[in-house]
Amino acid sequence: MNAAETQPIREYVGIIWIEDKPGVRLRVLARSLDEARTGVVEEYGDSHVISIWREEDASKAR
């Protein structure tokens, strides 16, 4: 088992903008941000603007 497989599955949220249409909100279950982004790209293609984050991480102080 590699390190990515031992990470818990978490919820990521985001928005994808396809062409000139309004943004579509996303919810993705993944082990990492990279895995979440890969899943979105596989579903919608890679020529779109994508913003993905974990709500828990976004609310932490920096």
PDB file of N, CA and C in Angstrom:
ATOM      1  N   MET A   1       0.829  -1.187   0.000  1.00  0.00           N
ATOM      2  CA  MET A   1       0.000   0.000   0.000  1.00  0.00           C
ATOM      3  C   MET A   1       0.870   1.245   0.000  1.00  0.00           C
ATOM      4  N   ASN A   2       0.572   2.191  -0.874  1.00  0.00           N
ATOM      5  CA  ASN A   2       1.347   3.425  -0.851  1.00  0.00           C
ATOM      6  C   ASN A   2       0.651   4.456   0.035  1.00  0.00           C
ATOM      7  N   ALA A   3       1.285   5.595   0.240  1.00  0.00           N
ATOM      8  CA  ALA A   3       0.773   6.621   1.157  1.00  0.00           C
ATOM      9  C   ALA A   3      -0.589   7.150   0.718  1.00  0.00           C
ATOM     10  N   ALA A   4      -0.810   7.274  -0.587  1.00  0.00           N
ATOM     11  CA  ALA A   4      -2.092   7.800  -1.073  1.00  0.00           C
ATOM     12  C   ALA A   4      -3.244   6.865  -0.729  1.00  0.00           C
ATOM     13  N   GLU A   5      -2.999   5.571  -0.720  1.00  0.00           N
ATOM     14  CA  GLU A   5      -4.054   4.603  -0.424  1.00  0.00           C
ATOM     15  C   GLU A   5      -4.400   4.561   1.059  1.00  0.00           C
ATOM     16  N   THR A   6      -3.532   5.063   1.919  1.00  0.00           N
ATOM     17  CA  THR A   6      -3.810   5.037   3.351  1.00  0.00           C
ATOM     18  C   THR A   6      -4.524   6.296   3.827  1.00  0.00           C
ATOM     19  N   GLN A   7      -4.615   7.308   2.980  1.00  0.00           N
ATOM     20  CA  GLN A   7      -5.304   8.541   3.332  1.00  0.00           C
ATOM     21  C   GLN A   7      -6.809   8.280   3.385  1.00  0.00           C
ATOM     22  N   PRO A   8      -7.513   8.927   4.321  1.00  0.00           N
ATOM     23  CA  PRO A   8      -8.974   8.759   4.368  1.00  0.00           C
ATOM     24  C   PRO A   8      -9.636   9.466   3.185  1.00  0.00           C
ATOM     25  N   ILE A   9     -10.790   8.987   2.813  1.00  0.00           N
ATOM     26  CA  ILE A   9     -11.549   9.639   1.755  1.00  0.00           C
ATOM     27  C   ILE A   9     -12.238  10.855   2.367  1.00  0.00           C
ATOM     28  N   ARG A  10     -12.088  11.994   1.695  1.00  0.00           N
ATOM     29  CA  ARG A  10     -12.640  13.255   2.186  1.00  0.00           C
ATOM     30  C   ARG A  10     -13.462  13.907   1.097  1.00  0.00           C
ATOM     31  N   GLU A  11     -14.312  14.840   1.522  1.00  0.00           N
ATOM     32  CA  GLU A  11     -15.130  15.565   0.560  1.00  0.00           C
ATOM     33  C   GLU A  11     -14.427  16.849   0.138  1.00  0.00           C
ATOM     34  N   TYR A  12     -14.360  17.057  -1.162  1.00  0.00           N
ATOM     35  CA  TYR A  12     -13.835  18.286  -1.745  1.00  0.00           C
ATOM     36  C   TYR A  12     -14.983  18.956  -2.476  1.00  0.00           C
ATOM     37  N   VAL A  13     -14.998  20.260  -2.450  1.00  0.00           N
ATOM     38  CA  VAL A  13     -16.021  21.017  -3.161  1.00  0.00           C
ATOM     39  C   VAL A  13     -15.326  21.932  -4.154  1.00  0.00           C
ATOM     40  N   GLY A  14     -16.077  22.401  -5.116  1.00  0.00           N
ATOM     41  CA  GLY A  14     -15.466  23.290  -6.087  1.00  0.00           C
ATOM     42  C   GLY A  14     -16.452  23.781  -7.111  1.00  0.00           C
ATOM     43  N   ILE A  15     -15.896  24.463  -8.081  1.00  0.00           N
ATOM     44  CA  ILE A  15     -16.665  25.008  -9.187  1.00  0.00           C
ATOM     45  C   ILE A  15     -15.883  24.764 -10.470  1.00  0.00           C
ATOM     46  N   ILE A  16     -16.602  24.444 -11.528  1.00  0.00           N
ATOM     47  CA  ILE A  16     -15.981  24.309 -12.845  1.00  0.00           C
ATOM     48  C   ILE A  16     -16.737  25.228 -13.804  1.00  0.00           C
ATOM     49  N   TRP A  17     -15.982  25.964 -14.592  1.00  0.00           N
ATOM     50  CA  TRP A  17     -16.560  26.854 -15.594  1.00  0.00           C
ATOM     51  C   TRP A  17     -16.314  26.224 -16.956  1.00  0.00           C
ATOM     52  N   ILE A  18     -17.400  25.909 -17.656  1.00  0.00           N
ATOM     53  CA  ILE A  18     -17.312  25.284 -18.972  1.00  0.00           C
ATOM     54  C   ILE A  18     -17.754  26.307 -20.008  1.00  0.00           C
ATOM     55  N   GLU A  19     -16.815  26.667 -20.862  1.00  0.00           N
ATOM     56  CA  GLU A  19     -17.021  27.684 -21.899  1.00  0.00           C
ATOM     57  C   GLU A  19     -17.529  28.967 -21.255  1.00  0.00           C
ATOM     58  N   ASP A  20     -18.601  29.539 -21.788  1.00  0.00           N
ATOM     59  CA  ASP A  20     -19.096  30.802 -21.246  1.00  0.00           C
ATOM     60  C   ASP A  20     -20.323  30.616 -20.362  1.00  0.00           C
ATOM     61  N   LYS A  21     -20.567  29.388 -19.916  1.00  0.00           N
ATOM     62  CA  LYS A  21     -21.722  29.082 -19.066  1.00  0.00           C
ATOM     63  C   LYS A  21     -21.400  29.414 -17.608  1.00  0.00           C
ATOM     64  N   PRO A  22     -22.443  29.622 -16.795  1.00  0.00           N
ATOM     65  CA  PRO A  22     -22.195  29.855 -15.359  1.00  0.00           C
ATOM     66  C   PRO A  22     -21.475  28.653 -14.741  1.00  0.00           C
ATOM     67  N   GLY A  23     -20.754  28.900 -13.653  1.00  0.00           N
ATOM     68  CA  GLY A  23     -20.024  27.830 -12.984  1.00  0.00           C
ATOM     69  C   GLY A  23     -20.944  26.754 -12.439  1.00  0.00           C
ATOM     70  N   VAL A  24     -20.474  25.520 -12.477  1.00  0.00           N
ATOM     71  CA  VAL A  24     -21.211  24.373 -11.942  1.00  0.00           C
ATOM     72  C   VAL A  24     -20.536  23.963 -10.637  1.00  0.00           C
ATOM     73  N   ARG A  25     -21.305  23.876  -9.564  1.00  0.00           N
ATOM     74  CA  ARG A  25     -20.748  23.455  -8.271  1.00  0.00           C
ATOM     75  C   ARG A  25     -20.507  21.950  -8.272  1.00  0.00           C
ATOM     76  N   LEU A  26     -19.411  21.545  -7.620  1.00  0.00           N
ATOM     77  CA  LEU A  26     -19.006  20.141  -7.572  1.00  0.00           C
ATOM     78  C   LEU A  26     -18.867  19.669  -6.136  1.00  0.00           C
ATOM     79  N   ARG A  27     -19.086  18.396  -5.916  1.00  0.00           N
ATOM     80  CA  ARG A  27     -18.737  17.710  -4.671  1.00  0.00           C
ATOM     81  C   ARG A  27     -18.061  16.410  -5.095  1.00  0.00           C
ATOM     82  N   VAL A  28     -16.846  16.206  -4.613  1.00  0.00           N
ATOM     83  CA  VAL A  28     -16.041  15.048  -5.020  1.00  0.00           C
ATOM     84  C   VAL A  28     -15.505  14.361  -3.780  1.00  0.00           C
ATOM     85  N   LEU A  29     -15.594  13.040  -3.739  1.00  0.00           N
ATOM     86  CA  LEU A  29     -14.975  12.265  -2.672  1.00  0.00           C
ATOM     87  C   LEU A  29     -13.646  11.736  -3.180  1.00  0.00           C
ATOM     88  N   ALA A  30     -12.575  12.053  -2.456  1.00  0.00           N
ATOM     89  CA  ALA A  30     -11.235  11.658  -2.902  1.00  0.00           C
ATOM     90  C   ALA A  30     -10.288  11.602  -1.708  1.00  0.00           C
ATOM     91  N   ARG A  31      -9.138  10.994  -1.908  1.00  0.00           N
ATOM     92  CA  ARG A  31      -8.121  10.881  -0.856  1.00  0.00           C
ATOM     93  C   ARG A  31      -7.185  12.090  -0.822  1.00  0.00           C
ATOM     94  N   SER A  32      -7.131  12.858  -1.909  1.00  0.00           N
ATOM     95  CA  SER A  32      -6.246  14.019  -1.967  1.00  0.00           C
ATOM     96  C   SER A  32      -6.805  15.033  -2.950  1.00  0.00           C
ATOM     97  N   LEU A  33      -6.275  16.235  -2.895  1.00  0.00           N
ATOM     98  CA  LEU A  33      -6.681  17.275  -3.837  1.00  0.00           C
ATOM     99  C   LEU A  33      -6.347  16.859  -5.264  1.00  0.00           C
ATOM    100  N   ASP A  34      -5.184  16.270  -5.463  1.00  0.00           N
ATOM    101  CA  ASP A  34      -4.796  15.820  -6.809  1.00  0.00           C
ATOM    102  C   ASP A  34      -5.761  14.769  -7.342  1.00  0.00           C
ATOM    103  N   GLU A  35      -6.160  13.839  -6.473  1.00  0.00           N
ATOM    104  CA  GLU A  35      -7.101  12.802  -6.888  1.00  0.00           C
ATOM    105  C   GLU A  35      -8.465  13.425  -7.227  1.00  0.00           C
ATOM    106  N   ALA A  36      -8.892  14.398  -6.443  1.00  0.00           N
ATOM    107  CA  ALA A  36     -10.162  15.080  -6.710  1.00  0.00           C
ATOM    108  C   ALA A  36     -10.112  15.786  -8.053  1.00  0.00           C
ATOM    109  N   ARG A  37      -9.034  16.528  -8.301  1.00  0.00           N
ATOM    110  CA  ARG A  37      -8.889  17.255  -9.566  1.00  0.00           C
ATOM    111  C   ARG A  37      -8.839  16.277 -10.748  1.00  0.00           C
ATOM    112  N   THR A  38      -8.123  15.177 -10.593  1.00  0.00           N
ATOM    113  CA  THR A  38      -8.037  14.173 -11.658  1.00  0.00           C
ATOM    114  C   THR A  38      -9.419  13.629 -12.000  1.00  0.00           C
ATOM    115  N   GLY A  39     -10.227  13.350 -10.975  1.00  0.00           N
ATOM    116  CA  GLY A  39     -11.578  12.851 -11.212  1.00  0.00           C
ATOM    117  C   GLY A  39     -12.443  13.840 -11.972  1.00  0.00           C
ATOM    118  N   VAL A  40     -12.329  15.116 -11.638  1.00  0.00           N
ATOM    119  CA  VAL A  40     -13.101  16.154 -12.334  1.00  0.00           C
ATOM    120  C   VAL A  40     -12.640  16.273 -13.783  1.00  0.00           C
ATOM    121  N   VAL A  41     -11.338  16.255 -14.001  1.00  0.00           N
ATOM    122  CA  VAL A  41     -10.803  16.345 -15.366  1.00  0.00           C
ATOM    123  C   VAL A  41     -11.250  15.136 -16.189  1.00  0.00           C
ATOM    124  N   GLU A  42     -11.265  13.952 -15.596  1.00  0.00           N
ATOM    125  CA  GLU A  42     -11.709  12.759 -16.315  1.00  0.00           C
ATOM    126  C   GLU A  42     -13.178  12.877 -16.718  1.00  0.00           C
ATOM    127  N   GLU A  43     -13.997  13.484 -15.862  1.00  0.00           N
ATOM    128  CA  GLU A  43     -15.424  13.602 -16.146  1.00  0.00           C
ATOM    129  C   GLU A  43     -15.751  14.731 -17.124  1.00  0.00           C
ATOM    130  N   TYR A  44     -15.105  15.890 -16.969  1.00  0.00           N
ATOM    131  CA  TYR A  44     -15.462  17.072 -17.755  1.00  0.00           C
ATOM    132  C   TYR A  44     -14.444  17.462 -18.822  1.00  0.00           C
ATOM    133  N   GLY A  45     -13.265  16.905 -18.784  1.00  0.00           N
ATOM    134  CA  GLY A  45     -12.208  17.298 -19.715  1.00  0.00           C
ATOM    135  C   GLY A  45     -11.274  18.303 -19.058  1.00  0.00           C
ATOM    136  N   ASP A  46     -10.123  18.553 -19.678  1.00  0.00           N
ATOM    137  CA  ASP A  46      -9.096  19.382 -19.037  1.00  0.00           C
ATOM    138  C   ASP A  46      -8.981  20.793 -19.595  1.00  0.00           C
ATOM    139  N   SER A  47      -9.902  21.198 -20.432  1.00  0.00           N
ATOM    140  CA  SER A  47      -9.795  22.529 -21.027  1.00  0.00           C
ATOM    141  C   SER A  47     -10.687  23.556 -20.327  1.00  0.00           C
ATOM    142  N   HIS A  48     -11.028  23.300 -19.060  1.00  0.00           N
ATOM    143  CA  HIS A  48     -11.928  24.176 -18.321  1.00  0.00           C
ATOM    144  C   HIS A  48     -11.224  24.755 -17.090  1.00  0.00           C
ATOM    145  N   VAL A  49     -11.754  25.861 -16.602  1.00  0.00           N
ATOM    146  CA  VAL A  49     -11.240  26.442 -15.364  1.00  0.00           C
ATOM    147  C   VAL A  49     -11.890  25.690 -14.210  1.00  0.00           C
ATOM    148  N   ILE A  50     -11.051  25.172 -13.295  1.00  0.00           N
ATOM    149  CA  ILE A  50     -11.533  24.362 -12.174  1.00  0.00           C
ATOM    150  C   ILE A  50     -10.959  24.922 -10.882  1.00  0.00           C
ATOM    151  N   SER A  51     -11.808  25.051  -9.876  1.00  0.00           N
ATOM    152  CA  SER A  51     -11.369  25.443  -8.546  1.00  0.00           C
ATOM    153  C   SER A  51     -11.918  24.413  -7.566  1.00  0.00           C
ATOM    154  N   ILE A  52     -11.017  23.747  -6.825  1.00  0.00           N
ATOM    155  CA  ILE A  52     -11.415  22.703  -5.870  1.00  0.00           C
ATOM    156  C   ILE A  52     -10.715  22.954  -4.542  1.00  0.00           C
ATOM    157  N   TRP A  53     -11.427  22.716  -3.444  1.00  0.00           N
ATOM    158  CA  TRP A  53     -10.858  22.881  -2.106  1.00  0.00           C
ATOM    159  C   TRP A  53     -11.621  22.018  -1.120  1.00  0.00           C
ATOM    160  N   ARG A  54     -11.054  21.859   0.060  1.00  0.00           N
ATOM    161  CA  ARG A  54     -11.729  21.197   1.176  1.00  0.00           C
ATOM    162  C   ARG A  54     -12.247  22.276   2.096  1.00  0.00           C
ATOM    163  N   GLU A  55     -13.525  22.250   2.403  1.00  0.00           N
ATOM    164  CA  GLU A  55     -14.119  23.261   3.275  1.00  0.00           C
ATOM    165  C   GLU A  55     -13.395  23.315   4.621  1.00  0.00           C
ATOM    166  N   GLU A  56     -13.036  22.163   5.147  1.00  0.00           N
ATOM    167  CA  GLU A  56     -12.343  22.104   6.437  1.00  0.00           C
ATOM    168  C   GLU A  56     -11.007  22.840   6.371  1.00  0.00           C
ATOM    169  N   ASP A  57     -10.266  22.651   5.301  1.00  0.00           N
ATOM    170  CA  ASP A  57      -8.986  23.338   5.137  1.00  0.00           C
ATOM    171  C   ASP A  57      -9.187  24.826   4.916  1.00  0.00           C
ATOM    172  N   ALA A  58     -10.214  25.190   4.166  1.00  0.00           N
ATOM    173  CA  ALA A  58     -10.452  26.592   3.849  1.00  0.00           C
ATOM    174  C   ALA A  58     -10.820  27.401   5.087  1.00  0.00           C
ATOM    175  N   SER A  59     -11.397  26.754   6.083  1.00  0.00           N
ATOM    176  CA  SER A  59     -11.817  27.488   7.288  1.00  0.00           C
ATOM    177  C   SER A  59     -10.716  27.577   8.360  1.00  0.00           C
ATOM    178  N   LYS A  60      -9.592  26.909   8.159  1.00  0.00           N
ATOM    179  CA  LYS A  60      -8.485  26.954   9.124  1.00  0.00           C
ATOM    180  C   LYS A  60      -7.734  28.279   9.025  1.00  0.00           C
ATOM    181  N   ALA A  61      -7.241  28.717  10.173  1.00  0.00           N
ATOM    182  CA  ALA A  61      -6.409  29.932  10.177  1.00  0.00           C
ATOM    183  C   ALA A  61      -5.085  29.649   9.482  1.00  0.00           C
ATOM    184  N   ARG A  62      -4.566  30.635   8.805  1.00  0.00           N
ATOM    185  CA  ARG A  62      -3.294  30.452   8.089  1.00  0.00           C
ATOM    186  C   ARG A  62      -2.218  31.236   8.704  1.00  0.00           C
TER     187      ARG A  62
END
